Amino acid sequence: MSESVYGLIARFDTPEAVVEATRRAREAGYKKMEAYSPFPIEELTEVLDFKPKIQYLVLIGGILGAITGFALQYYASVIAYPLIIGGRPFNSWPAFIVVEFELTILFAGLAAVFGMLGLNGFPHPYHPVFNAKDFNLVSRDKFFLVIESNDPRFDRDRTRAFLESLHPEEVTEVHP
């Protein structure tokens, strides 16, 4: 019986090498892969076809904040305590703009924080790649490419041979 494996990880020395390896893995048909780097690499996000979703959550949060700010003030000024002050109408929306703006910013900020935590899978104190040999070097000067075992094209021997053809420093298995 074979031991379960999370995937195979390849260690590279330069950002160009990991970008090229990721590009070739994508061209070879691998879909379930992740690259790790000590700093952001714009080309890597393009090759991995990374599409962030946080901006949509922030937009929805901002819209909900604006609606909440308007509804709160509308209720207070028109329904709960309708007072005629200086001849202005009950629904004097220009007076609502400041609170509406502040709640828009508050809800958008909260959506950004909690959306980021949710989309990143936090809190997640453990990930199988932490078991990989020398993975701690990713925070200093090494670059890693992981092809996960749940990829449809993953075959332990063929994927290892493919990764080794990319000329990494080392290819190892990642165990859960």
N, C-alpha and C. Protein backbone atom coordinates (compact mmCIF):
# COMPACT_ATOMS: atom_id res chain seq x y z
N MET A 1 0.85 -1.18 0.00
CA MET A 1 0.00 0.00 0.00
C MET A 1 0.89 1.23 0.00
N SER A 2 0.62 2.15 -0.92
CA SER A 2 1.47 3.33 -1.02
C SER A 2 1.07 4.38 0.00
N GLU A 3 2.05 5.12 0.43
CA GLU A 3 1.85 6.16 1.40
C GLU A 3 1.20 7.36 0.72
N SER A 4 0.26 8.02 1.41
CA SER A 4 -0.40 9.18 0.80
C SER A 4 0.57 10.35 0.73
N VAL A 5 0.39 11.14 -0.31
CA VAL A 5 1.28 12.27 -0.53
C VAL A 5 0.41 13.47 -0.91
N TYR A 6 0.74 14.65 -0.38
CA TYR A 6 0.03 15.88 -0.72
C TYR A 6 0.39 16.33 -2.13
N GLY A 7 1.64 16.15 -2.49
CA GLY A 7 2.10 16.55 -3.81
C GLY A 7 3.61 16.47 -3.90
N LEU A 8 4.15 17.02 -4.96
CA LEU A 8 5.59 17.10 -5.15
C LEU A 8 6.00 18.55 -5.17
N ILE A 9 7.13 18.85 -4.53
CA ILE A 9 7.61 20.23 -4.44
C ILE A 9 9.00 20.32 -5.05
N ALA A 10 9.19 21.35 -5.85
CA ALA A 10 10.49 21.59 -6.48
C ALA A 10 11.02 22.92 -5.98
N ARG A 11 12.31 22.94 -5.63
CA ARG A 11 12.96 24.15 -5.11
C ARG A 11 13.82 24.77 -6.21
N PHE A 12 13.65 26.08 -6.39
CA PHE A 12 14.40 26.81 -7.41
C PHE A 12 15.20 27.94 -6.75
N ASP A 13 16.23 28.38 -7.46
CA ASP A 13 17.14 29.37 -6.91
C ASP A 13 16.79 30.80 -7.32
N THR A 14 16.11 30.98 -8.44
CA THR A 14 15.81 32.33 -8.93
C THR A 14 14.32 32.48 -9.22
N PRO A 15 13.83 33.72 -9.20
CA PRO A 15 12.42 33.93 -9.54
C PRO A 15 12.12 33.59 -11.00
N GLU A 16 13.08 33.84 -11.87
CA GLU A 16 12.88 33.52 -13.29
C GLU A 16 12.69 32.02 -13.49
N ALA A 17 13.44 31.24 -12.73
CA ALA A 17 13.35 29.78 -12.85
C ALA A 17 11.99 29.27 -12.40
N VAL A 18 11.47 29.79 -11.31
CA VAL A 18 10.17 29.32 -10.84
C VAL A 18 9.05 29.79 -11.76
N VAL A 19 9.18 30.98 -12.34
CA VAL A 19 8.17 31.46 -13.29
C VAL A 19 8.17 30.57 -14.53
N GLU A 20 9.35 30.27 -15.05
CA GLU A 20 9.45 29.42 -16.23
C GLU A 20 8.94 28.01 -15.94
N ALA A 21 9.27 27.48 -14.76
CA ALA A 21 8.81 26.14 -14.39
C ALA A 21 7.29 26.12 -14.26
N THR A 22 6.72 27.15 -13.68
CA THR A 22 5.27 27.23 -13.55
C THR A 22 4.61 27.35 -14.92
N ARG A 23 5.21 28.13 -15.79
CA ARG A 23 4.68 28.27 -17.15
C ARG A 23 4.69 26.92 -17.88
N ARG A 24 5.79 26.20 -17.76
CA ARG A 24 5.88 24.90 -18.43
C ARG A 24 4.93 23.88 -17.81
N ALA A 25 4.74 23.94 -16.49
CA ALA A 25 3.79 23.03 -15.84
C ALA A 25 2.36 23.33 -16.30
N ARG A 26 2.04 24.60 -16.45
CA ARG A 26 0.71 24.98 -16.95
C ARG A 26 0.53 24.49 -18.38
N GLU A 27 1.57 24.64 -19.21
CA GLU A 27 1.50 24.16 -20.60
C GLU A 27 1.39 22.64 -20.67
N ALA A 28 1.96 21.95 -19.68
CA ALA A 28 1.89 20.50 -19.65
C ALA A 28 0.52 20.00 -19.18
N GLY A 29 -0.34 20.91 -18.73
CA GLY A 29 -1.70 20.54 -18.35
C GLY A 29 -1.97 20.45 -16.87
N TYR A 30 -1.00 20.78 -16.03
CA TYR A 30 -1.23 20.76 -14.58
C TYR A 30 -2.05 21.97 -14.18
N LYS A 31 -3.06 21.74 -13.36
CA LYS A 31 -3.94 22.82 -12.92
C LYS A 31 -3.82 23.10 -11.43
N LYS A 32 -3.68 22.04 -10.63
CA LYS A 32 -3.64 22.19 -9.17
C LYS A 32 -2.19 22.34 -8.73
N MET A 33 -1.72 23.57 -8.75
CA MET A 33 -0.35 23.83 -8.33
C MET A 33 -0.28 25.18 -7.65
N GLU A 34 0.77 25.36 -6.88
CA GLU A 34 0.96 26.60 -6.15
C GLU A 34 2.45 26.92 -6.13
N ALA A 35 2.76 28.20 -6.22
CA ALA A 35 4.15 28.63 -6.17
C ALA A 35 4.35 29.48 -4.92
N TYR A 36 5.51 29.35 -4.32
CA TYR A 36 5.84 30.09 -3.10
C TYR A 36 7.11 30.88 -3.33
N SER A 37 7.11 32.12 -2.85
CA SER A 37 8.21 33.02 -3.10
C SER A 37 8.40 33.94 -1.89
N PRO A 38 9.63 34.41 -1.64
CA PRO A 38 9.83 35.34 -0.52
C PRO A 38 9.30 36.74 -0.80
N PHE A 39 8.94 37.03 -2.04
CA PHE A 39 8.39 38.34 -2.40
C PHE A 39 7.43 38.16 -3.57
N PRO A 40 6.53 39.12 -3.79
CA PRO A 40 5.56 38.99 -4.88
C PRO A 40 6.24 39.00 -6.25
N ILE A 41 5.78 38.14 -7.13
CA ILE A 41 6.27 38.08 -8.51
C ILE A 41 5.04 38.22 -9.41
N GLU A 42 4.94 39.34 -10.10
CA GLU A 42 3.75 39.62 -10.90
C GLU A 42 3.53 38.59 -12.00
N GLU A 43 4.61 38.17 -12.66
CA GLU A 43 4.48 37.20 -13.73
C GLU A 43 3.94 35.87 -13.23
N LEU A 44 4.26 35.54 -11.99
CA LEU A 44 3.81 34.29 -11.40
C LEU A 44 2.30 34.27 -11.22
N THR A 45 1.73 35.39 -10.80
CA THR A 45 0.27 35.45 -10.65
C THR A 45 -0.42 35.32 -11.99
N GLU A 46 0.21 35.85 -13.04
CA GLU A 46 -0.37 35.72 -14.37
C GLU A 46 -0.30 34.28 -14.87
N VAL A 47 0.83 33.62 -14.64
CA VAL A 47 0.99 32.25 -15.10
C VAL A 47 0.07 31.31 -14.33
N LEU A 48 -0.09 31.54 -13.04
CA LEU A 48 -0.96 30.69 -12.22
C LEU A 48 -2.44 31.00 -12.46
N ASP A 49 -2.72 32.04 -13.25
CA ASP A 49 -4.09 32.45 -13.55
C ASP A 49 -4.84 32.78 -12.27
N PHE A 50 -4.18 33.54 -11.42
CA PHE A 50 -4.74 33.94 -10.13
C PHE A 50 -5.71 35.09 -10.35
N LYS A 51 -6.95 34.88 -9.96
CA LYS A 51 -7.97 35.92 -10.10
C LYS A 51 -8.50 36.27 -8.71
N PRO A 52 -8.05 37.39 -8.16
CA PRO A 52 -8.51 37.75 -6.82
C PRO A 52 -10.00 38.09 -6.80
N LYS A 53 -10.65 37.76 -5.70
CA LYS A 53 -12.07 38.01 -5.54
C LYS A 53 -12.36 39.05 -4.47
N ILE A 54 -11.31 39.54 -3.81
CA ILE A 54 -11.51 40.43 -2.67
C ILE A 54 -12.16 41.74 -3.09
N GLN A 55 -11.87 42.24 -4.29
CA GLN A 55 -12.43 43.53 -4.69
C GLN A 55 -13.95 43.47 -4.77
N TYR A 56 -14.51 42.32 -5.12
CA TYR A 56 -15.97 42.19 -5.18
C TYR A 56 -16.57 42.21 -3.78
N LEU A 57 -15.89 41.57 -2.84
CA LEU A 57 -16.36 41.59 -1.45
C LEU A 57 -16.31 43.00 -0.87
N VAL A 58 -15.26 43.73 -1.18
CA VAL A 58 -15.13 45.11 -0.69
C VAL A 58 -16.21 45.99 -1.30
N LEU A 59 -16.49 45.81 -2.59
CA LEU A 59 -17.55 46.59 -3.24
C LEU A 59 -18.91 46.29 -2.60
N ILE A 60 -19.19 45.03 -2.38
CA ILE A 60 -20.47 44.66 -1.74
C ILE A 60 -20.54 45.23 -0.33
N GLY A 61 -19.43 45.15 0.41
CA GLY A 61 -19.41 45.72 1.76
C GLY A 61 -19.64 47.22 1.73
N GLY A 62 -19.02 47.92 0.79
CA GLY A 62 -19.23 49.37 0.68
C GLY A 62 -20.66 49.72 0.34
N ILE A 63 -21.25 48.99 -0.59
CA ILE A 63 -22.64 49.25 -0.97
C ILE A 63 -23.57 48.99 0.22
N LEU A 64 -23.33 47.89 0.93
CA LEU A 64 -24.16 47.60 2.12
C LEU A 64 -23.99 48.68 3.18
N GLY A 65 -22.76 49.19 3.33
CA GLY A 65 -22.51 50.27 4.29
C GLY A 65 -23.27 51.53 3.91
N ALA A 66 -23.26 51.88 2.63
CA ALA A 66 -23.98 53.08 2.18
C ALA A 66 -25.48 52.92 2.40
N ILE A 67 -26.01 51.75 2.06
CA ILE A 67 -27.45 51.50 2.25
C ILE A 67 -27.79 51.53 3.74
N THR A 68 -26.95 50.93 4.56
CA THR A 68 -27.20 50.93 6.00
C THR A 68 -27.17 52.34 6.56
N GLY A 69 -26.18 53.16 6.14
CA GLY A 69 -26.10 54.54 6.61
C GLY A 69 -27.32 55.35 6.23
N PHE A 70 -27.75 55.19 4.98
CA PHE A 70 -28.93 55.93 4.54
C PHE A 70 -30.17 55.44 5.28
N ALA A 71 -30.34 54.12 5.40
CA ALA A 71 -31.53 53.56 6.06
C ALA A 71 -31.58 53.96 7.53
N LEU A 72 -30.44 53.96 8.18
CA LEU A 72 -30.39 54.34 9.61
C LEU A 72 -30.85 55.78 9.80
N GLN A 73 -30.35 56.68 8.98
CA GLN A 73 -30.72 58.08 9.12
C GLN A 73 -32.13 58.35 8.61
N TYR A 74 -32.54 57.65 7.58
CA TYR A 74 -33.91 57.80 7.09
C TYR A 74 -34.90 57.38 8.17
N TYR A 75 -34.64 56.25 8.81
CA TYR A 75 -35.53 55.78 9.87
C TYR A 75 -35.60 56.81 11.00
N ALA A 76 -34.43 57.30 11.42
CA ALA A 76 -34.41 58.24 12.54
C ALA A 76 -35.08 59.56 12.18
N SER A 77 -34.85 60.07 10.97
CA SER A 77 -35.35 61.39 10.60
C SER A 77 -36.79 61.40 10.09
N VAL A 78 -37.21 60.32 9.45
CA VAL A 78 -38.52 60.32 8.81
C VAL A 78 -39.56 59.50 9.59
N ILE A 79 -39.15 58.35 10.13
CA ILE A 79 -40.11 57.44 10.75
C ILE A 79 -40.17 57.61 12.27
N ALA A 80 -39.03 57.51 12.94
CA ALA A 80 -39.02 57.49 14.40
C ALA A 80 -39.18 58.89 15.01
N TYR A 81 -38.45 59.89 14.51
CA TYR A 81 -38.48 61.23 15.11
C TYR A 81 -38.60 62.30 14.04
N PRO A 82 -39.73 62.40 13.38
CA PRO A 82 -39.87 63.42 12.32
C PRO A 82 -40.02 64.82 12.92
N LEU A 83 -38.94 65.60 12.87
CA LEU A 83 -38.95 66.96 13.39
C LEU A 83 -38.75 67.94 12.25
N ILE A 84 -39.54 69.00 12.26
CA ILE A 84 -39.35 70.05 11.26
C ILE A 84 -38.37 71.05 11.86
N ILE A 85 -37.18 71.11 11.26
CA ILE A 85 -36.15 72.01 11.75
C ILE A 85 -35.73 72.91 10.61
N GLY A 86 -35.96 74.20 10.75
CA GLY A 86 -35.56 75.17 9.75
C GLY A 86 -36.30 75.00 8.43
N GLY A 87 -37.42 74.35 8.42
CA GLY A 87 -38.21 74.19 7.21
C GLY A 87 -37.69 73.13 6.25
N ARG A 88 -36.70 72.36 6.67
CA ARG A 88 -36.17 71.34 5.76
C ARG A 88 -37.11 70.13 5.76
N PRO A 89 -37.10 69.36 4.67
CA PRO A 89 -37.95 68.16 4.63
C PRO A 89 -37.40 67.08 5.56
N PHE A 90 -38.26 66.13 5.89
CA PHE A 90 -37.82 65.04 6.77
C PHE A 90 -36.67 64.25 6.14
N ASN A 91 -36.82 63.93 4.86
CA ASN A 91 -35.79 63.16 4.15
C ASN A 91 -34.81 64.13 3.49
N SER A 92 -33.97 64.76 4.29
CA SER A 92 -32.99 65.70 3.77
C SER A 92 -31.68 64.95 3.53
N TRP A 93 -31.59 64.29 2.38
CA TRP A 93 -30.47 63.40 2.10
C TRP A 93 -29.10 64.08 2.08
N PRO A 94 -28.95 65.36 1.73
CA PRO A 94 -27.60 65.93 1.80
C PRO A 94 -27.01 65.90 3.21
N ALA A 95 -27.84 65.96 4.21
CA ALA A 95 -27.36 65.88 5.59
C ALA A 95 -26.93 64.46 5.96
N PHE A 96 -27.37 63.48 5.18
CA PHE A 96 -27.05 62.08 5.48
C PHE A 96 -25.69 61.65 4.92
N ILE A 97 -25.10 62.43 4.04
CA ILE A 97 -23.92 62.00 3.29
C ILE A 97 -22.73 61.66 4.18
N VAL A 98 -22.49 62.44 5.22
CA VAL A 98 -21.30 62.21 6.05
C VAL A 98 -21.36 60.85 6.73
N VAL A 99 -22.48 60.54 7.37
CA VAL A 99 -22.61 59.24 8.05
C VAL A 99 -22.64 58.11 7.04
N GLU A 100 -23.29 58.34 5.92
CA GLU A 100 -23.34 57.33 4.86
C GLU A 100 -21.93 57.02 4.34
N PHE A 101 -21.12 58.06 4.14
CA PHE A 101 -19.74 57.87 3.70
C PHE A 101 -18.93 57.09 4.73
N GLU A 102 -19.08 57.45 5.99
CA GLU A 102 -18.31 56.77 7.04
C GLU A 102 -18.69 55.29 7.15
N LEU A 103 -19.97 54.98 7.06
CA LEU A 103 -20.38 53.58 7.12
C LEU A 103 -19.97 52.82 5.86
N THR A 104 -19.90 53.50 4.73
CA THR A 104 -19.39 52.87 3.51
C THR A 104 -17.96 52.43 3.72
N ILE A 105 -17.13 53.32 4.25
CA ILE A 105 -15.72 53.00 4.51
C ILE A 105 -15.60 51.91 5.57
N LEU A 106 -16.39 51.98 6.63
CA LEU A 106 -16.33 50.98 7.70
C LEU A 106 -16.69 49.59 7.18
N PHE A 107 -17.81 49.48 6.46
CA PHE A 107 -18.24 48.17 5.97
C PHE A 107 -17.28 47.63 4.91
N ALA A 108 -16.75 48.51 4.05
CA ALA A 108 -15.79 48.06 3.04
C ALA A 108 -14.51 47.56 3.71
N GLY A 109 -14.04 48.26 4.73
CA GLY A 109 -12.85 47.83 5.46
C GLY A 109 -13.06 46.50 6.16
N LEU A 110 -14.20 46.34 6.82
CA LEU A 110 -14.50 45.07 7.48
C LEU A 110 -14.64 43.94 6.47
N ALA A 111 -15.27 44.22 5.33
CA ALA A 111 -15.38 43.21 4.28
C ALA A 111 -14.00 42.81 3.77
N ALA A 112 -13.09 43.79 3.66
CA ALA A 112 -11.73 43.49 3.19
C ALA A 112 -11.00 42.60 4.19
N VAL A 113 -11.09 42.91 5.46
CA VAL A 113 -10.38 42.12 6.48
C VAL A 113 -10.95 40.71 6.57
N PHE A 114 -12.26 40.60 6.76
CA PHE A 114 -12.86 39.28 6.93
C PHE A 114 -12.89 38.49 5.62
N GLY A 115 -13.02 39.19 4.49
CA GLY A 115 -12.95 38.53 3.19
C GLY A 115 -11.57 37.96 2.95
N MET A 116 -10.53 38.72 3.29
CA MET A 116 -9.15 38.23 3.14
C MET A 116 -8.92 37.01 4.02
N LEU A 117 -9.39 37.08 5.25
CA LEU A 117 -9.23 35.92 6.14
C LEU A 117 -9.96 34.70 5.60
N GLY A 118 -11.18 34.91 5.11
CA GLY A 118 -11.96 33.79 4.58
C GLY A 118 -11.38 33.22 3.30
N LEU A 119 -11.00 34.08 2.37
CA LEU A 119 -10.48 33.61 1.09
C LEU A 119 -9.11 32.95 1.23
N ASN A 120 -8.33 33.39 2.21
CA ASN A 120 -7.02 32.79 2.44
C ASN A 120 -7.10 31.53 3.30
N GLY A 121 -8.28 31.22 3.80
CA GLY A 121 -8.45 30.01 4.60
C GLY A 121 -7.91 30.16 6.01
N PHE A 122 -7.83 31.39 6.50
CA PHE A 122 -7.34 31.60 7.87
C PHE A 122 -8.49 31.47 8.83
N PRO A 123 -8.30 31.10 10.07
CA PRO A 123 -7.01 30.67 10.60
C PRO A 123 -6.71 29.25 10.15
N HIS A 124 -5.53 29.04 9.68
CA HIS A 124 -5.09 27.74 9.17
C HIS A 124 -3.66 27.53 9.66
N PRO A 125 -3.51 27.08 10.90
CA PRO A 125 -2.16 27.01 11.48
C PRO A 125 -1.27 25.92 10.89
N TYR A 126 -1.84 25.05 10.07
CA TYR A 126 -1.05 23.94 9.53
C TYR A 126 -1.34 23.79 8.04
N HIS A 127 -0.30 23.58 7.28
CA HIS A 127 -0.44 23.27 5.86
C HIS A 127 0.60 22.21 5.54
N PRO A 128 0.28 21.24 4.69
CA PRO A 128 1.23 20.17 4.40
C PRO A 128 2.58 20.64 3.86
N VAL A 129 2.63 21.77 3.15
CA VAL A 129 3.93 22.21 2.62
C VAL A 129 4.90 22.59 3.72
N PHE A 130 4.40 22.83 4.93
CA PHE A 130 5.30 23.12 6.04
C PHE A 130 6.18 21.91 6.36
N ASN A 131 5.75 20.72 5.95
CA ASN A 131 6.53 19.49 6.17
C ASN A 131 7.64 19.31 5.14
N ALA A 132 7.60 20.07 4.07
CA ALA A 132 8.58 19.89 2.99
C ALA A 132 9.98 20.25 3.48
N LYS A 133 10.93 19.50 2.96
CA LYS A 133 12.33 19.73 3.33
C LYS A 133 12.76 21.13 2.90
N ASP A 134 13.35 21.87 3.80
CA ASP A 134 13.89 23.21 3.56
C ASP A 134 12.84 24.23 3.12
N PHE A 135 11.57 24.00 3.41
CA PHE A 135 10.54 24.96 3.02
C PHE A 135 10.70 26.29 3.75
N ASN A 136 11.36 26.27 4.90
CA ASN A 136 11.57 27.52 5.64
C ASN A 136 12.43 28.51 4.85
N LEU A 137 13.14 28.03 3.83
CA LEU A 137 13.96 28.92 3.00
C LEU A 137 13.12 29.83 2.10
N VAL A 138 11.82 29.54 1.98
CA VAL A 138 10.96 30.37 1.15
C VAL A 138 10.85 31.77 1.73
N SER A 139 11.07 31.94 3.00
CA SER A 139 11.00 33.27 3.59
C SER A 139 12.32 34.02 3.45
N ARG A 140 13.34 33.38 2.89
CA ARG A 140 14.64 34.04 2.72
C ARG A 140 14.99 34.25 1.25
N ASP A 141 15.31 33.15 0.56
CA ASP A 141 15.85 33.35 -0.79
C ASP A 141 15.56 32.21 -1.77
N LYS A 142 14.66 31.31 -1.45
CA LYS A 142 14.35 30.19 -2.35
C LYS A 142 12.92 30.29 -2.85
N PHE A 143 12.66 29.61 -3.97
CA PHE A 143 11.36 29.65 -4.62
C PHE A 143 10.89 28.21 -4.82
N PHE A 144 9.61 27.96 -4.57
CA PHE A 144 9.09 26.60 -4.61
C PHE A 144 7.87 26.52 -5.53
N LEU A 145 7.75 25.38 -6.19
CA LEU A 145 6.58 25.06 -7.00
C LEU A 145 6.05 23.72 -6.51
N VAL A 146 4.77 23.69 -6.14
CA VAL A 146 4.13 22.47 -5.66
C VAL A 146 3.06 22.06 -6.66
N ILE A 147 3.11 20.82 -7.08
CA ILE A 147 2.02 20.24 -7.88
C ILE A 147 1.30 19.27 -6.95
N GLU A 148 0.03 19.53 -6.74
CA GLU A 148 -0.75 18.76 -5.76
C GLU A 148 -1.18 17.41 -6.34
N SER A 149 -1.34 16.46 -5.43
CA SER A 149 -1.68 15.10 -5.87
C SER A 149 -3.13 14.98 -6.34
N ASN A 150 -3.98 15.96 -6.03
CA ASN A 150 -5.37 15.89 -6.50
C ASN A 150 -5.53 16.50 -7.89
N ASP A 151 -4.42 16.84 -8.54
CA ASP A 151 -4.46 17.28 -9.93
C ASP A 151 -4.79 16.07 -10.81
N PRO A 152 -5.65 16.24 -11.80
CA PRO A 152 -6.02 15.10 -12.66
C PRO A 152 -4.83 14.47 -13.39
N ARG A 153 -3.80 15.24 -13.72
CA ARG A 153 -2.64 14.72 -14.44
C ARG A 153 -1.56 14.18 -13.51
N PHE A 154 -1.78 14.24 -12.21
CA PHE A 154 -0.73 13.85 -11.27
C PHE A 154 -0.51 12.33 -11.29
N ASP A 155 0.70 11.96 -11.52
CA ASP A 155 1.19 10.59 -11.36
C ASP A 155 2.55 10.76 -10.71
N ARG A 156 2.76 10.07 -9.60
CA ARG A 156 3.94 10.33 -8.79
C ARG A 156 5.23 10.26 -9.60
N ASP A 157 5.40 9.23 -10.39
CA ASP A 157 6.65 9.05 -11.13
C ASP A 157 6.76 10.01 -12.32
N ARG A 158 5.68 10.14 -13.09
CA ARG A 158 5.73 11.03 -14.25
C ARG A 158 5.85 12.50 -13.84
N THR A 159 5.15 12.87 -12.76
CA THR A 159 5.24 14.26 -12.30
C THR A 159 6.63 14.55 -11.75
N ARG A 160 7.21 13.58 -11.05
CA ARG A 160 8.59 13.77 -10.55
C ARG A 160 9.55 13.93 -11.72
N ALA A 161 9.41 13.11 -12.73
CA ALA A 161 10.28 13.22 -13.91
C ALA A 161 10.08 14.57 -14.61
N PHE A 162 8.83 15.01 -14.69
CA PHE A 162 8.56 16.31 -15.30
C PHE A 162 9.23 17.43 -14.50
N LEU A 163 9.05 17.42 -13.18
CA LEU A 163 9.66 18.47 -12.36
C LEU A 163 11.18 18.43 -12.44
N GLU A 164 11.76 17.25 -12.47
CA GLU A 164 13.22 17.15 -12.58
C GLU A 164 13.71 17.65 -13.93
N SER A 165 12.88 17.56 -14.97
CA SER A 165 13.28 18.08 -16.27
C SER A 165 13.33 19.61 -16.29
N LEU A 166 12.75 20.24 -15.28
CA LEU A 166 12.77 21.71 -15.18
C LEU A 166 14.04 22.23 -14.52
N HIS A 167 14.92 21.34 -14.12
CA HIS A 167 16.22 21.65 -13.51
C HIS A 167 16.12 22.42 -12.19
N PRO A 168 15.34 21.89 -11.24
CA PRO A 168 15.31 22.53 -9.93
C PRO A 168 16.52 22.10 -9.11
N GLU A 169 16.70 22.72 -7.96
CA GLU A 169 17.76 22.29 -7.04
C GLU A 169 17.42 20.93 -6.45
N GLU A 170 16.12 20.73 -6.19
CA GLU A 170 15.70 19.47 -5.56
C GLU A 170 14.20 19.28 -5.76
N VAL A 171 13.77 18.03 -5.86
CA VAL A 171 12.36 17.67 -5.92
C VAL A 171 12.11 16.67 -4.79
N THR A 172 11.12 16.97 -3.95
CA THR A 172 10.79 16.08 -2.84
C THR A 172 9.28 15.91 -2.76
N GLU A 173 8.88 14.87 -2.03
CA GLU A 173 7.46 14.64 -1.79
C GLU A 173 7.01 15.44 -0.58
N VAL A 174 5.77 15.86 -0.63
CA VAL A 174 5.16 16.56 0.50
C VAL A 174 4.10 15.62 1.08
N HIS A 175 4.27 15.28 2.34
CA HIS A 175 3.34 14.37 3.00
C HIS A 175 2.38 15.18 3.89
N PRO A 176 1.13 14.76 3.93
CA PRO A 176 0.15 15.50 4.76
C PRO A 176 0.42 15.38 6.25
